[in-house]
Amino acid sequence: MSIVLTSAQNRFLRGVAHDLKALLQIGGKGVTPAFLAELDEVLERHELVKVKIAAEDRDTRDGMIEELAKASGSALVQRIGHVAVLYRPAKEKRQIVLPRG
């Protein structure tokens, strides 16, 4: 289940994410089950997360970002260089209210 965002919602989330620091970082081991478990927990707590990807090759980074979004059921909001912003609404307490349309 992946989330589809409208352009207005995407713009809104990019604005919210602007001042965030990267909470997670993927190293040389790549996407591991432990990393996905941590990402799931952080997404549930924060909803909007910056992830730093330490892969030199652009295609490798893109593959990792796609894998993260698919495995966590989140939407890719933005990708700049080595940093990706992922969004998934919390199941329990929602903190971010998206604009309509």
N, C-alpha and C. Protein backbone atom coordinates (compact mmCIF):
# COMPACT_ATOMS: atom_id res chain seq x y z
N MET A 1 0.85 -1.18 0.00
CA MET A 1 0.00 0.00 0.00
C MET A 1 0.89 1.24 0.00
N SER A 2 0.92 1.91 -1.12
CA SER A 2 1.69 3.15 -1.13
C SER A 2 0.74 4.33 -1.17
N ILE A 3 1.21 5.44 -0.71
CA ILE A 3 0.40 6.64 -0.58
C ILE A 3 0.58 7.51 -1.81
N VAL A 4 -0.53 8.02 -2.33
CA VAL A 4 -0.45 8.93 -3.47
C VAL A 4 -0.80 10.33 -2.96
N LEU A 5 0.11 11.27 -3.18
CA LEU A 5 -0.07 12.64 -2.74
C LEU A 5 -0.39 13.54 -3.92
N THR A 6 -1.26 14.53 -3.69
CA THR A 6 -1.50 15.53 -4.72
C THR A 6 -0.33 16.50 -4.74
N SER A 7 -0.25 17.32 -5.76
CA SER A 7 0.87 18.26 -5.84
C SER A 7 0.80 19.29 -4.70
N ALA A 8 -0.40 19.67 -4.29
CA ALA A 8 -0.54 20.62 -3.17
C ALA A 8 -0.06 19.99 -1.86
N GLN A 9 -0.41 18.73 -1.65
CA GLN A 9 0.02 18.03 -0.44
C GLN A 9 1.54 17.83 -0.45
N ASN A 10 2.09 17.51 -1.61
CA ASN A 10 3.52 17.34 -1.74
C ASN A 10 4.26 18.64 -1.43
N ARG A 11 3.76 19.74 -1.95
CA ARG A 11 4.35 21.06 -1.70
C ARG A 11 4.29 21.40 -0.21
N PHE A 12 3.15 21.12 0.41
CA PHE A 12 2.97 21.37 1.84
C PHE A 12 3.99 20.57 2.66
N LEU A 13 4.14 19.27 2.34
CA LEU A 13 5.07 18.42 3.08
C LEU A 13 6.52 18.83 2.86
N ARG A 14 6.87 19.29 1.67
CA ARG A 14 8.23 19.78 1.42
C ARG A 14 8.52 20.98 2.32
N GLY A 15 7.53 21.84 2.49
CA GLY A 15 7.69 23.01 3.37
C GLY A 15 7.89 22.61 4.82
N VAL A 16 7.11 21.62 5.26
CA VAL A 16 7.23 21.14 6.65
C VAL A 16 8.59 20.47 6.86
N ALA A 17 9.07 19.74 5.85
CA ALA A 17 10.32 18.98 5.97
C ALA A 17 11.55 19.86 5.88
N HIS A 18 11.40 21.08 5.41
CA HIS A 18 12.56 21.95 5.15
C HIS A 18 13.50 22.06 6.35
N ASP A 19 12.96 22.25 7.55
CA ASP A 19 13.79 22.47 8.74
C ASP A 19 14.16 21.19 9.48
N LEU A 20 13.69 20.04 8.99
CA LEU A 20 14.00 18.78 9.67
C LEU A 20 15.45 18.36 9.45
N LYS A 21 15.98 17.66 10.41
CA LYS A 21 17.30 17.04 10.28
C LYS A 21 17.09 15.58 9.87
N ALA A 22 18.08 15.00 9.21
CA ALA A 22 17.99 13.59 8.83
C ALA A 22 18.02 12.74 10.10
N LEU A 23 16.98 11.93 10.30
CA LEU A 23 16.89 11.11 11.50
C LEU A 23 17.54 9.75 11.31
N LEU A 24 17.59 9.29 10.08
CA LEU A 24 18.17 7.98 9.80
C LEU A 24 19.21 8.09 8.70
N GLN A 25 20.16 7.16 8.70
CA GLN A 25 21.19 7.14 7.67
C GLN A 25 21.46 5.70 7.27
N ILE A 26 21.48 5.47 5.96
CA ILE A 26 21.81 4.15 5.43
C ILE A 26 23.29 4.16 5.10
N GLY A 27 23.99 3.15 5.60
CA GLY A 27 25.42 3.06 5.34
C GLY A 27 25.73 2.06 4.24
N GLY A 28 26.91 1.47 4.31
CA GLY A 28 27.38 0.56 3.29
C GLY A 28 26.62 -0.76 3.23
N LYS A 29 25.95 -1.14 4.31
CA LYS A 29 25.22 -2.40 4.32
C LYS A 29 23.94 -2.33 3.51
N GLY A 30 23.50 -1.12 3.19
CA GLY A 30 22.27 -0.98 2.41
C GLY A 30 21.02 -1.13 3.26
N VAL A 31 19.94 -1.52 2.61
CA VAL A 31 18.65 -1.65 3.29
C VAL A 31 18.58 -3.02 3.94
N THR A 32 18.60 -3.02 5.27
CA THR A 32 18.55 -4.26 6.05
C THR A 32 17.20 -4.36 6.77
N PRO A 33 16.80 -5.56 7.19
CA PRO A 33 15.55 -5.69 7.95
C PRO A 33 15.55 -4.83 9.22
N ALA A 34 16.71 -4.72 9.88
CA ALA A 34 16.80 -3.89 11.09
C ALA A 34 16.56 -2.42 10.75
N PHE A 35 17.12 -1.97 9.63
CA PHE A 35 16.91 -0.58 9.22
C PHE A 35 15.44 -0.33 8.90
N LEU A 36 14.80 -1.28 8.21
CA LEU A 36 13.38 -1.13 7.87
C LEU A 36 12.51 -1.10 9.12
N ALA A 37 12.87 -1.88 10.14
CA ALA A 37 12.12 -1.87 11.40
C ALA A 37 12.26 -0.50 12.08
N GLU A 38 13.47 0.03 12.07
CA GLU A 38 13.72 1.36 12.66
C GLU A 38 12.96 2.44 11.89
N LEU A 39 12.99 2.36 10.56
CA LEU A 39 12.27 3.32 9.72
C LEU A 39 10.77 3.27 10.01
N ASP A 40 10.22 2.07 10.16
CA ASP A 40 8.80 1.91 10.44
C ASP A 40 8.43 2.59 11.76
N GLU A 41 9.28 2.38 12.77
CA GLU A 41 9.05 2.98 14.08
C GLU A 41 9.13 4.52 14.03
N VAL A 42 10.12 5.03 13.32
CA VAL A 42 10.31 6.49 13.22
C VAL A 42 9.17 7.12 12.43
N LEU A 43 8.73 6.46 11.34
CA LEU A 43 7.60 6.98 10.57
C LEU A 43 6.33 7.02 11.41
N GLU A 44 6.13 6.00 12.23
CA GLU A 44 4.93 5.98 13.08
C GLU A 44 4.96 7.12 14.09
N ARG A 45 6.16 7.45 14.59
CA ARG A 45 6.30 8.51 15.59
C ARG A 45 6.26 9.91 14.96
N HIS A 46 6.93 10.08 13.82
CA HIS A 46 7.11 11.42 13.26
C HIS A 46 6.32 11.70 11.98
N GLU A 47 5.91 10.68 11.27
CA GLU A 47 5.18 10.75 10.00
C GLU A 47 6.01 11.26 8.83
N LEU A 48 6.83 12.27 9.05
CA LEU A 48 7.66 12.85 7.99
C LEU A 48 9.12 12.72 8.40
N VAL A 49 9.91 12.03 7.58
CA VAL A 49 11.27 11.67 7.97
C VAL A 49 12.25 11.93 6.84
N LYS A 50 13.41 12.50 7.21
CA LYS A 50 14.50 12.63 6.25
C LYS A 50 15.46 11.48 6.47
N VAL A 51 15.85 10.83 5.37
CA VAL A 51 16.79 9.71 5.42
C VAL A 51 17.98 10.06 4.56
N LYS A 52 19.17 9.94 5.11
CA LYS A 52 20.40 10.21 4.37
C LYS A 52 20.94 8.89 3.84
N ILE A 53 21.27 8.87 2.57
CA ILE A 53 21.73 7.65 1.92
C ILE A 53 23.18 7.82 1.49
N ALA A 54 24.06 7.00 2.05
CA ALA A 54 25.49 7.13 1.80
C ALA A 54 25.94 6.20 0.69
N ALA A 55 25.34 6.35 -0.48
CA ALA A 55 25.76 5.58 -1.66
C ALA A 55 26.23 6.58 -2.70
N GLU A 56 27.37 6.31 -3.29
CA GLU A 56 27.94 7.25 -4.26
C GLU A 56 27.21 7.24 -5.59
N ASP A 57 26.80 6.07 -6.04
CA ASP A 57 26.17 5.93 -7.34
C ASP A 57 24.71 6.38 -7.29
N ARG A 58 24.32 7.25 -8.21
CA ARG A 58 22.97 7.81 -8.23
C ARG A 58 21.91 6.72 -8.43
N ASP A 59 22.17 5.77 -9.32
CA ASP A 59 21.21 4.70 -9.57
C ASP A 59 21.02 3.82 -8.33
N THR A 60 22.10 3.59 -7.60
CA THR A 60 22.03 2.81 -6.36
C THR A 60 21.17 3.55 -5.34
N ARG A 61 21.39 4.86 -5.20
CA ARG A 61 20.59 5.68 -4.27
C ARG A 61 19.12 5.63 -4.65
N ASP A 62 18.83 5.82 -5.94
CA ASP A 62 17.43 5.78 -6.38
C ASP A 62 16.77 4.44 -6.08
N GLY A 63 17.53 3.35 -6.29
CA GLY A 63 17.01 2.02 -5.98
C GLY A 63 16.73 1.84 -4.51
N MET A 64 17.64 2.35 -3.67
CA MET A 64 17.44 2.25 -2.21
C MET A 64 16.22 3.06 -1.77
N ILE A 65 16.07 4.26 -2.32
CA ILE A 65 14.92 5.11 -1.96
C ILE A 65 13.62 4.43 -2.36
N GLU A 66 13.59 3.87 -3.56
CA GLU A 66 12.39 3.18 -4.03
C GLU A 66 12.07 1.98 -3.13
N GLU A 67 13.10 1.24 -2.76
CA GLU A 67 12.93 0.09 -1.88
C GLU A 67 12.41 0.51 -0.50
N LEU A 68 12.94 1.62 0.04
CA LEU A 68 12.49 2.12 1.34
C LEU A 68 11.02 2.51 1.30
N ALA A 69 10.64 3.26 0.26
CA ALA A 69 9.26 3.72 0.15
C ALA A 69 8.30 2.54 0.02
N LYS A 70 8.67 1.57 -0.80
CA LYS A 70 7.80 0.41 -1.01
C LYS A 70 7.71 -0.44 0.24
N ALA A 71 8.83 -0.72 0.89
CA ALA A 71 8.85 -1.59 2.07
C ALA A 71 8.15 -0.96 3.27
N SER A 72 8.20 0.37 3.38
CA SER A 72 7.60 1.03 4.53
C SER A 72 6.17 1.52 4.25
N GLY A 73 5.72 1.41 3.01
CA GLY A 73 4.38 1.88 2.65
C GLY A 73 4.27 3.39 2.73
N SER A 74 5.39 4.07 2.46
CA SER A 74 5.39 5.54 2.55
C SER A 74 5.49 6.16 1.16
N ALA A 75 5.30 7.46 1.12
CA ALA A 75 5.41 8.21 -0.13
C ALA A 75 6.71 9.00 -0.14
N LEU A 76 7.36 9.03 -1.29
CA LEU A 76 8.55 9.85 -1.44
C LEU A 76 8.08 11.27 -1.71
N VAL A 77 8.40 12.17 -0.79
CA VAL A 77 7.99 13.57 -0.91
C VAL A 77 9.01 14.34 -1.74
N GLN A 78 10.28 14.11 -1.46
CA GLN A 78 11.34 14.87 -2.11
C GLN A 78 12.65 14.12 -2.02
N ARG A 79 13.49 14.33 -3.01
CA ARG A 79 14.83 13.75 -3.00
C ARG A 79 15.80 14.81 -3.48
N ILE A 80 16.75 15.14 -2.63
CA ILE A 80 17.78 16.11 -3.00
C ILE A 80 19.13 15.49 -2.67
N GLY A 81 19.91 15.20 -3.69
CA GLY A 81 21.23 14.61 -3.48
C GLY A 81 21.16 13.30 -2.72
N HIS A 82 21.77 13.26 -1.55
CA HIS A 82 21.83 12.04 -0.74
C HIS A 82 20.70 11.95 0.27
N VAL A 83 19.75 12.89 0.25
CA VAL A 83 18.69 12.92 1.26
C VAL A 83 17.32 12.72 0.61
N ALA A 84 16.54 11.81 1.20
CA ALA A 84 15.17 11.56 0.75
C ALA A 84 14.21 11.90 1.89
N VAL A 85 13.07 12.46 1.54
CA VAL A 85 12.04 12.76 2.53
C VAL A 85 10.87 11.80 2.29
N LEU A 86 10.52 11.04 3.33
CA LEU A 86 9.44 10.07 3.25
C LEU A 86 8.29 10.47 4.17
N TYR A 87 7.05 10.19 3.72
CA TYR A 87 5.87 10.52 4.53
C TYR A 87 4.95 9.31 4.59
N ARG A 88 4.47 9.04 5.81
CA ARG A 88 3.43 8.04 6.01
C ARG A 88 2.61 8.47 7.22
N PRO A 89 1.30 8.61 7.06
CA PRO A 89 0.50 9.02 8.23
C PRO A 89 0.54 7.96 9.32
N ALA A 90 0.54 8.42 10.56
CA ALA A 90 0.57 7.51 11.71
C ALA A 90 -0.76 6.77 11.83
N LYS A 91 -0.71 5.55 12.33
CA LYS A 91 -1.94 4.76 12.51
C LYS A 91 -2.70 5.24 13.74
N GLU A 92 -1.97 5.64 14.78
CA GLU A 92 -2.59 6.02 16.04
C GLU A 92 -2.88 7.53 16.12
N LYS A 93 -1.83 8.31 16.37
CA LYS A 93 -2.00 9.75 16.56
C LYS A 93 -1.43 10.50 15.38
N ARG A 94 -2.28 11.04 14.53
CA ARG A 94 -1.80 11.83 13.40
C ARG A 94 -1.40 13.21 13.86
N GLN A 95 -0.22 13.65 13.42
CA GLN A 95 0.26 14.97 13.80
C GLN A 95 0.17 15.95 12.64
N ILE A 96 0.33 15.45 11.42
CA ILE A 96 0.35 16.31 10.25
C ILE A 96 -1.00 16.21 9.55
N VAL A 97 -1.65 17.34 9.37
CA VAL A 97 -2.92 17.38 8.67
C VAL A 97 -2.65 17.92 7.26
N LEU A 98 -2.90 17.06 6.27
CA LEU A 98 -2.63 17.45 4.89
C LEU A 98 -3.74 18.34 4.34
N PRO A 99 -3.39 19.29 3.47
CA PRO A 99 -4.43 20.10 2.82
C PRO A 99 -5.20 19.22 1.83
N ARG A 100 -6.43 19.59 1.58
CA ARG A 100 -7.24 18.85 0.60
C ARG A 100 -6.80 19.21 -0.80
N GLY A 101 -6.89 18.19 -1.68
CA GLY A 101 -6.63 18.41 -3.12
C GLY A 101 -5.32 18.92 -3.36
